[in-house]
């Protein structure tokens, strides 16, 4: 059986989460109201970040395949000043 976890780190007003496979996640939407959220392609960090679509219940999905064809993504959250 393989394990597959989201790994996150926080520093100051930023949080980065590595999401290794395609999935739906749930976040507290009241917290996202205070932050900007973007998907970053880990295979091509120079590509423009993608806006995160969060439904009112706080559910969000990874954006599909990255530029290398993988399903892994970085979720970048930055608190608004």
PDB file of N, CA and C in Angstrom:
ATOM      1  N   UNK A   1       0.845  -1.171   0.000  1.00  0.00           N
ATOM      2  CA  UNK A   1       0.000   0.000   0.000  1.00  0.00           C
ATOM      3  C   UNK A   1       0.893   1.238   0.000  1.00  0.00           C
ATOM      4  N   UNK A   2       0.615   2.169  -0.899  1.00  0.00           N
ATOM      5  CA  UNK A   2       1.415   3.390  -0.928  1.00  0.00           C
ATOM      6  C   UNK A   2       0.677   4.493  -0.187  1.00  0.00           C
ATOM      7  N   UNK A   3       1.439   5.384   0.369  1.00  0.00           N
ATOM      8  CA  UNK A   3       0.878   6.536   1.066  1.00  0.00           C
ATOM      9  C   UNK A   3       1.078   7.771   0.211  1.00  0.00           C
ATOM     10  N   UNK A   4       0.194   8.716   0.350  1.00  0.00           N
ATOM     11  CA  UNK A   4       0.257   9.913  -0.456  1.00  0.00           C
ATOM     12  C   UNK A   4      -0.311  11.058   0.383  1.00  0.00           C
ATOM     13  N   UNK A   5       0.576  11.954   0.796  1.00  0.00           N
ATOM     14  CA  UNK A   5       0.212  13.029   1.699  1.00  0.00           C
ATOM     15  C   UNK A   5       0.520  14.384   1.090  1.00  0.00           C
ATOM     16  N   UNK A   6      -0.265  15.370   1.457  1.00  0.00           N
ATOM     17  CA  UNK A   6       0.054  16.758   1.146  1.00  0.00           C
ATOM     18  C   UNK A   6       1.032  17.216   2.218  1.00  0.00           C
ATOM     19  N   UNK A   7       2.113  17.854   1.813  1.00  0.00           N
ATOM     20  CA  UNK A   7       3.124  18.352   2.737  1.00  0.00           C
ATOM     21  C   UNK A   7       3.123  19.874   2.672  1.00  0.00           C
ATOM     22  N   UNK A   8       3.083  20.521   3.828  1.00  0.00           N
ATOM     23  CA  UNK A   8       2.995  21.981   3.842  1.00  0.00           C
ATOM     24  C   UNK A   8       4.022  22.595   4.781  1.00  0.00           C
ATOM     25  N   UNK A   9       4.397  23.830   4.463  1.00  0.00           N
ATOM     26  CA  UNK A   9       5.300  24.614   5.306  1.00  0.00           C
ATOM     27  C   UNK A   9       4.804  26.050   5.329  1.00  0.00           C
ATOM     28  N   UNK A  10       4.960  26.691   6.474  1.00  0.00           N
ATOM     29  CA  UNK A  10       4.514  28.078   6.623  1.00  0.00           C
ATOM     30  C   UNK A  10       5.672  28.927   7.127  1.00  0.00           C
ATOM     31  N   UNK A  11       5.784  30.109   6.560  1.00  0.00           N
ATOM     32  CA  UNK A  11       6.787  31.063   7.001  1.00  0.00           C
ATOM     33  C   UNK A  11       6.180  32.452   6.902  1.00  0.00           C
ATOM     34  N   UNK A  12       6.070  33.120   8.015  1.00  0.00           N
ATOM     35  CA  UNK A  12       5.476  34.453   8.012  1.00  0.00           C
ATOM     36  C   UNK A  12       4.074  34.421   7.438  1.00  0.00           C
ATOM     37  N   UNK A  13       3.831  35.225   6.411  1.00  0.00           N
ATOM     38  CA  UNK A  13       2.509  35.299   5.802  1.00  0.00           C
ATOM     39  C   UNK A  13       2.315  34.403   4.601  1.00  0.00           C
ATOM     40  N   UNK A  14       3.207  33.419   4.419  1.00  0.00           N
ATOM     41  CA  UNK A  14       3.093  32.523   3.257  1.00  0.00           C
ATOM     42  C   UNK A  14       3.004  31.070   3.695  1.00  0.00           C
ATOM     43  N   UNK A  15       2.259  30.295   2.931  1.00  0.00           N
ATOM     44  CA  UNK A  15       2.178  28.860   3.124  1.00  0.00           C
ATOM     45  C   UNK A  15       2.335  28.197   1.763  1.00  0.00           C
ATOM     46  N   UNK A  16       3.165  27.167   1.704  1.00  0.00           N
ATOM     47  CA  UNK A  16       3.335  26.385   0.484  1.00  0.00           C
ATOM     48  C   UNK A  16       2.984  24.945   0.809  1.00  0.00           C
ATOM     49  N   UNK A  17       2.127  24.350  -0.009  1.00  0.00           N
ATOM     50  CA  UNK A  17       1.753  22.947   0.162  1.00  0.00           C
ATOM     51  C   UNK A  17       2.081  22.198  -1.120  1.00  0.00           C
ATOM     52  N   UNK A  18       2.786  21.076  -0.985  1.00  0.00           N
ATOM     53  CA  UNK A  18       3.068  20.212  -2.126  1.00  0.00           C
ATOM     54  C   UNK A  18       1.967  19.168  -2.184  1.00  0.00           C
ATOM     55  N   UNK A  19       1.262  19.125  -3.316  1.00  0.00           N
ATOM     56  CA  UNK A  19       0.161  18.189  -3.526  1.00  0.00           C
ATOM     57  C   UNK A  19       0.633  17.198  -4.588  1.00  0.00           C
ATOM     58  N   UNK A  20       0.957  15.943  -4.195  1.00  0.00           N
ATOM     59  CA  UNK A  20       1.626  15.020  -5.115  1.00  0.00           C
ATOM     60  C   UNK A  20       0.740  14.355  -6.160  1.00  0.00           C
ATOM     61  N   UNK A  21      -0.570  14.356  -5.968  1.00  0.00           N
ATOM     62  CA  UNK A  21      -1.464  13.697  -6.921  1.00  0.00           C
ATOM     63  C   UNK A  21      -2.732  14.518  -7.100  1.00  0.00           C
ATOM     64  N   UNK A  22      -3.432  14.274  -8.193  1.00  0.00           N
ATOM     65  CA  UNK A  22      -4.702  14.962  -8.442  1.00  0.00           C
ATOM     66  C   UNK A  22      -5.680  14.612  -7.327  1.00  0.00           C
ATOM     67  N   UNK A  23      -6.387  15.625  -6.841  1.00  0.00           N
ATOM     68  CA  UNK A  23      -7.338  15.390  -5.761  1.00  0.00           C
ATOM     69  C   UNK A  23      -8.205  16.604  -5.516  1.00  0.00           C
ATOM     70  N   UNK A  24      -9.260  16.376  -4.738  1.00  0.00           N
ATOM     71  CA  UNK A  24     -10.071  17.456  -4.220  1.00  0.00           C
ATOM     72  C   UNK A  24      -9.642  17.658  -2.774  1.00  0.00           C
ATOM     73  N   UNK A  25      -9.492  18.899  -2.370  1.00  0.00           N
ATOM     74  CA  UNK A  25      -9.150  19.229  -0.992  1.00  0.00           C
ATOM     75  C   UNK A  25     -10.189  20.202  -0.471  1.00  0.00           C
ATOM     76  N   UNK A  26     -10.256  20.318   0.844  1.00  0.00           N
ATOM     77  CA  UNK A  26     -11.162  21.273   1.466  1.00  0.00           C
ATOM     78  C   UNK A  26     -10.361  22.196   2.367  1.00  0.00           C
ATOM     79  N   UNK A  27     -10.603  23.474   2.222  1.00  0.00           N
ATOM     80  CA  UNK A  27      -9.952  24.488   3.049  1.00  0.00           C
ATOM     81  C   UNK A  27     -11.036  25.341   3.703  1.00  0.00           C
ATOM     82  N   UNK A  28     -10.669  26.058   4.725  1.00  0.00           N
ATOM     83  CA  UNK A  28     -11.599  26.967   5.387  1.00  0.00           C
ATOM     84  C   UNK A  28     -11.740  28.209   4.509  1.00  0.00           C
ATOM     85  N   UNK A  29     -12.911  28.405   3.870  1.00  0.00           N
ATOM     86  CA  UNK A  29     -13.051  29.533   2.943  1.00  0.00           C
ATOM     87  C   UNK A  29     -12.905  30.894   3.622  1.00  0.00           C
ATOM     88  N   UNK A  30     -13.158  30.983   4.919  1.00  0.00           N
ATOM     89  CA  UNK A  30     -12.986  32.265   5.603  1.00  0.00           C
ATOM     90  C   UNK A  30     -11.506  32.631   5.686  1.00  0.00           C
ATOM     91  N   UNK A  31     -10.626  31.628   5.749  1.00  0.00           N
ATOM     92  CA  UNK A  31      -9.190  31.895   5.768  1.00  0.00           C
ATOM     93  C   UNK A  31      -8.709  32.352   4.392  1.00  0.00           C
ATOM     94  N   UNK A  32      -9.277  31.762   3.329  1.00  0.00           N
ATOM     95  CA  UNK A  32      -8.866  32.157   1.971  1.00  0.00           C
ATOM     96  C   UNK A  32      -9.319  33.563   1.629  1.00  0.00           C
ATOM     97  N   UNK A  33     -10.357  34.054   2.302  1.00  0.00           N
ATOM     98  CA  UNK A  33     -10.807  35.422   2.053  1.00  0.00           C
ATOM     99  C   UNK A  33      -9.723  36.419   2.442  1.00  0.00           C
ATOM    100  N   UNK A  34      -8.792  35.996   3.291  1.00  0.00           N
ATOM    101  CA  UNK A  34      -7.716  36.868   3.760  1.00  0.00           C
ATOM    102  C   UNK A  34      -6.399  36.603   3.019  1.00  0.00           C
ATOM    103  N   UNK A  35      -6.445  35.787   1.964  1.00  0.00           N
ATOM    104  CA  UNK A  35      -5.208  35.385   1.286  1.00  0.00           C
ATOM    105  C   UNK A  35      -5.396  35.332  -0.221  1.00  0.00           C
ATOM    106  N   UNK A  36      -4.275  35.370  -0.942  1.00  0.00           N
ATOM    107  CA  UNK A  36      -4.294  35.053  -2.360  1.00  0.00           C
ATOM    108  C   UNK A  36      -3.844  33.600  -2.478  1.00  0.00           C
ATOM    109  N   UNK A  37      -4.438  32.873  -3.387  1.00  0.00           N
ATOM    110  CA  UNK A  37      -4.112  31.456  -3.566  1.00  0.00           C
ATOM    111  C   UNK A  37      -3.814  31.197  -5.035  1.00  0.00           C
ATOM    112  N   UNK A  38      -2.690  30.538  -5.293  1.00  0.00           N
ATOM    113  CA  UNK A  38      -2.271  30.241  -6.660  1.00  0.00           C
ATOM    114  C   UNK A  38      -1.685  28.838  -6.727  1.00  0.00           C
ATOM    115  N   UNK A  39      -1.886  28.178  -7.870  1.00  0.00           N
ATOM    116  CA  UNK A  39      -1.220  26.913  -8.160  1.00  0.00           C
ATOM    117  C   UNK A  39       0.063  27.215  -8.897  1.00  0.00           C
ATOM    118  N   UNK A  40       1.166  26.598  -8.485  1.00  0.00           N
ATOM    119  CA  UNK A  40       2.446  26.747  -9.142  1.00  0.00           C
ATOM    120  C   UNK A  40       2.846  25.384  -9.704  1.00  0.00           C
ATOM    121  N   UNK A  41       3.232  25.362 -10.966  1.00  0.00           N
ATOM    122  CA  UNK A  41       3.651  24.134 -11.644  1.00  0.00           C
ATOM    123  C   UNK A  41       5.063  23.765 -11.164  1.00  0.00           C
ATOM    124  N   UNK A  42       5.229  22.658 -10.431  1.00  0.00           N
ATOM    125  CA  UNK A  42       6.565  22.313  -9.926  1.00  0.00           C
ATOM    126  C   UNK A  42       7.516  21.842 -11.025  1.00  0.00           C
ATOM    127  N   UNK A  43       6.985  21.474 -12.171  1.00  0.00           N
ATOM    128  CA  UNK A  43       7.829  21.039 -13.286  1.00  0.00           C
ATOM    129  C   UNK A  43       8.370  22.226 -14.074  1.00  0.00           C
ATOM    130  N   UNK A  44       7.717  23.381 -13.957  1.00  0.00           N
ATOM    131  CA  UNK A  44       8.138  24.599 -14.653  1.00  0.00           C
ATOM    132  C   UNK A  44       7.787  25.796 -13.784  1.00  0.00           C
ATOM    133  N   UNK A  45       8.610  26.060 -12.807  1.00  0.00           N
ATOM    134  CA  UNK A  45       8.342  27.150 -11.861  1.00  0.00           C
ATOM    135  C   UNK A  45       8.346  28.521 -12.531  1.00  0.00           C
ATOM    136  N   UNK A  46       8.791  28.600 -13.789  1.00  0.00           N
ATOM    137  CA  UNK A  46       8.779  29.880 -14.491  1.00  0.00           C
ATOM    138  C   UNK A  46       7.425  30.148 -15.146  1.00  0.00           C
ATOM    139  N   UNK A  47       6.561  29.147 -15.212  1.00  0.00           N
ATOM    140  CA  UNK A  47       5.235  29.336 -15.807  1.00  0.00           C
ATOM    141  C   UNK A  47       4.389  30.235 -14.900  1.00  0.00           C
ATOM    142  N   UNK A  48       3.491  31.006 -15.468  1.00  0.00           N
ATOM    143  CA  UNK A  48       2.633  31.859 -14.634  1.00  0.00           C
ATOM    144  C   UNK A  48       1.780  31.004 -13.687  1.00  0.00           C
ATOM    145  N   UNK A  49       1.658  31.418 -12.422  1.00  0.00           N
ATOM    146  CA  UNK A  49       0.800  30.682 -11.487  1.00  0.00           C
ATOM    147  C   UNK A  49      -0.649  30.717 -11.955  1.00  0.00           C
ATOM    148  N   UNK A  50      -1.400  29.686 -11.603  1.00  0.00           N
ATOM    149  CA  UNK A  50      -2.815  29.595 -11.960  1.00  0.00           C
ATOM    150  C   UNK A  50      -3.674  29.988 -10.766  1.00  0.00           C
ATOM    151  N   UNK A  51      -4.742  30.718 -11.031  1.00  0.00           N
ATOM    152  CA  UNK A  51      -5.661  31.089  -9.967  1.00  0.00           C
ATOM    153  C   UNK A  51      -6.337  29.840  -9.410  1.00  0.00           C
ATOM    154  N   UNK A  52      -6.549  29.820  -8.104  1.00  0.00           N
ATOM    155  CA  UNK A  52      -7.217  28.698  -7.446  1.00  0.00           C
ATOM    156  C   UNK A  52      -8.713  28.964  -7.428  1.00  0.00           C
ATOM    157  N   UNK A  53      -9.488  28.022  -7.935  1.00  0.00           N
ATOM    158  CA  UNK A  53     -10.943  28.123  -7.900  1.00  0.00           C
ATOM    159  C   UNK A  53     -11.445  27.375  -6.665  1.00  0.00           C
ATOM    160  N   UNK A  54     -12.083  28.100  -5.749  1.00  0.00           N
ATOM    161  CA  UNK A  54     -12.601  27.510  -4.513  1.00  0.00           C
ATOM    162  C   UNK A  54     -14.104  27.716  -4.498  1.00  0.00           C
ATOM    163  N   UNK A  55     -14.865  26.621  -4.311  1.00  0.00           N
ATOM    164  CA  UNK A  55     -16.311  26.796  -4.242  1.00  0.00           C
ATOM    165  C   UNK A  55     -16.693  27.284  -2.835  1.00  0.00           C
ATOM    166  N   UNK A  56     -17.930  27.726  -2.633  1.00  0.00           N
ATOM    167  CA  UNK A  56     -18.325  28.310  -1.347  1.00  0.00           C
ATOM    168  C   UNK A  56     -18.133  27.377  -0.142  1.00  0.00           C
ATOM    169  N   UNK A  57     -18.135  26.072  -0.359  1.00  0.00           N
ATOM    170  CA  UNK A  57     -17.939  25.138   0.759  1.00  0.00           C
ATOM    171  C   UNK A  57     -16.468  24.977   1.126  1.00  0.00           C
ATOM    172  N   UNK A  58     -15.564  25.549   0.320  1.00  0.00           N
ATOM    173  CA  UNK A  58     -14.138  25.443   0.582  1.00  0.00           C
ATOM    174  C   UNK A  58     -13.444  24.345  -0.200  1.00  0.00           C
ATOM    175  N   UNK A  59     -14.156  23.684  -1.109  1.00  0.00           N
ATOM    176  CA  UNK A  59     -13.550  22.610  -1.901  1.00  0.00           C
ATOM    177  C   UNK A  59     -12.766  23.194  -3.068  1.00  0.00           C
ATOM    178  N   UNK A  60     -11.612  22.598  -3.335  1.00  0.00           N
ATOM    179  CA  UNK A  60     -10.821  22.986  -4.491  1.00  0.00           C
ATOM    180  C   UNK A  60     -10.172  21.744  -5.074  1.00  0.00           C
ATOM    181  N   UNK A  61      -9.966  21.762  -6.367  1.00  0.00           N
ATOM    182  CA  UNK A  61      -9.339  20.646  -7.080  1.00  0.00           C
ATOM    183  C   UNK A  61      -8.008  21.075  -7.659  1.00  0.00           C
ATOM    184  N   UNK A  62      -7.081  20.144  -7.731  1.00  0.00           N
ATOM    185  CA  UNK A  62      -5.837  20.424  -8.438  1.00  0.00           C
ATOM    186  C   UNK A  62      -6.194  20.696  -9.904  1.00  0.00           C
ATOM    187  N   UNK A  63      -5.382  21.482 -10.609  1.00  0.00           N
ATOM    188  CA  UNK A  63      -5.771  21.948 -11.944  1.00  0.00           C
ATOM    189  C   UNK A  63      -5.517  21.000 -13.113  1.00  0.00           C
ATOM    190  N   UNK A  64      -5.289  19.737 -12.863  1.00  0.00           N
ATOM    191  CA  UNK A  64      -5.036  18.809 -13.969  1.00  0.00           C
ATOM    192  C   UNK A  64      -3.561  18.480 -14.064  1.00  0.00           C
ATOM    193  N   UNK A  65      -3.115  18.167 -15.241  1.00  0.00           N
ATOM    194  CA  UNK A  65      -1.708  17.786 -15.428  1.00  0.00           C
ATOM    195  C   UNK A  65      -0.826  19.028 -15.522  1.00  0.00           C
ATOM    196  N   UNK A  66       0.384  18.906 -14.969  1.00  0.00           N
ATOM    197  CA  UNK A  66       1.333  20.015 -15.060  1.00  0.00           C
ATOM    198  C   UNK A  66       2.069  19.952 -16.404  1.00  0.00           C
ATOM    199  N   UNK A  67       3.031  20.836 -16.627  1.00  0.00           N
ATOM    200  CA  UNK A  67       3.707  20.928 -17.926  1.00  0.00           C
ATOM    201  C   UNK A  67       4.513  19.679 -18.281  1.00  0.00           C
ATOM    202  N   UNK A  68       4.873  18.856 -17.303  1.00  0.00           N
ATOM    203  CA  UNK A  68       5.610  17.619 -17.567  1.00  0.00           C
ATOM    204  C   UNK A  68       4.680  16.408 -17.655  1.00  0.00           C
ATOM    205  N   UNK A  69       3.371  16.646 -17.536  1.00  0.00           N
ATOM    206  CA  UNK A  69       2.407  15.556 -17.620  1.00  0.00           C
ATOM    207  C   UNK A  69       2.074  14.909 -16.286  1.00  0.00           C
ATOM    208  N   UNK A  70       2.706  15.371 -15.209  1.00  0.00           N
ATOM    209  CA  UNK A  70       2.423  14.832 -13.878  1.00  0.00           C
ATOM    210  C   UNK A  70       1.200  15.486 -13.263  1.00  0.00           C
ATOM    211  N   UNK A  71       0.770  14.966 -12.131  1.00  0.00           N
ATOM    212  CA  UNK A  71      -0.397  15.501 -11.438  1.00  0.00           C
ATOM    213  C   UNK A  71      -0.025  16.311 -10.200  1.00  0.00           C
ATOM    214  N   UNK A  72       1.271  16.484  -9.932  1.00  0.00           N
ATOM    215  CA  UNK A  72       1.673  17.198  -8.728  1.00  0.00           C
ATOM    216  C   UNK A  72       1.688  18.707  -8.961  1.00  0.00           C
ATOM    217  N   UNK A  73       1.352  19.450  -7.890  1.00  0.00           N
ATOM    218  CA  UNK A  73       1.288  20.904  -7.922  1.00  0.00           C
ATOM    219  C   UNK A  73       1.732  21.468  -6.584  1.00  0.00           C
ATOM    220  N   UNK A  74       2.099  22.739  -6.593  1.00  0.00           N
ATOM    221  CA  UNK A  74       2.351  23.483  -5.369  1.00  0.00           C
ATOM    222  C   UNK A  74       1.201  24.466  -5.181  1.00  0.00           C
ATOM    223  N   UNK A  75       0.644  24.491  -3.984  1.00  0.00           N
ATOM    224  CA  UNK A  75      -0.386  25.466  -3.637  1.00  0.00           C
ATOM    225  C   UNK A  75       0.296  26.548  -2.813  1.00  0.00           C
ATOM    226  N   UNK A  76       0.269  27.783  -3.303  1.00  0.00           N
ATOM    227  CA  UNK A  76       0.906  28.914  -2.634  1.00  0.00           C
ATOM    228  C   UNK A  76      -0.168  29.836  -2.093  1.00  0.00           C
ATOM    229  N   UNK A  77      -0.162  30.046  -0.780  1.00  0.00           N
ATOM    230  CA  UNK A  77      -1.098  30.971  -0.136  1.00  0.00           C
ATOM    231  C   UNK A  77      -0.292  32.103   0.477  1.00  0.00           C
ATOM    232  N   UNK A  78      -0.720  33.318   0.205  1.00  0.00           N
ATOM    233  CA  UNK A  78      -0.063  34.497   0.787  1.00  0.00           C
ATOM    234  C   UNK A  78      -1.134  35.361   1.456  1.00  0.00           C
ATOM    235  N   UNK A  79      -0.923  35.660   2.726  1.00  0.00           N
ATOM    236  CA  UNK A  79      -1.853  36.527   3.447  1.00  0.00           C
ATOM    237  C   UNK A  79      -1.779  37.928   2.891  1.00  0.00           C
ATOM    238  N   UNK A  80      -2.938  38.539   2.747  1.00  0.00           N
ATOM    239  CA  UNK A  80      -2.977  39.934   2.291  1.00  0.00           C
ATOM    240  C   UNK A  80      -2.586  40.846   3.430  1.00  0.00           C
ATOM    241  N   UNK A  81      -1.852  41.877   3.131  1.00  0.00           N
ATOM    242  CA  UNK A  81      -1.405  42.821   4.167  1.00  0.00           C
ATOM    243  C   UNK A  81      -2.507  43.787   4.535  1.00  0.00           C
TER     244      UNK A  81
END
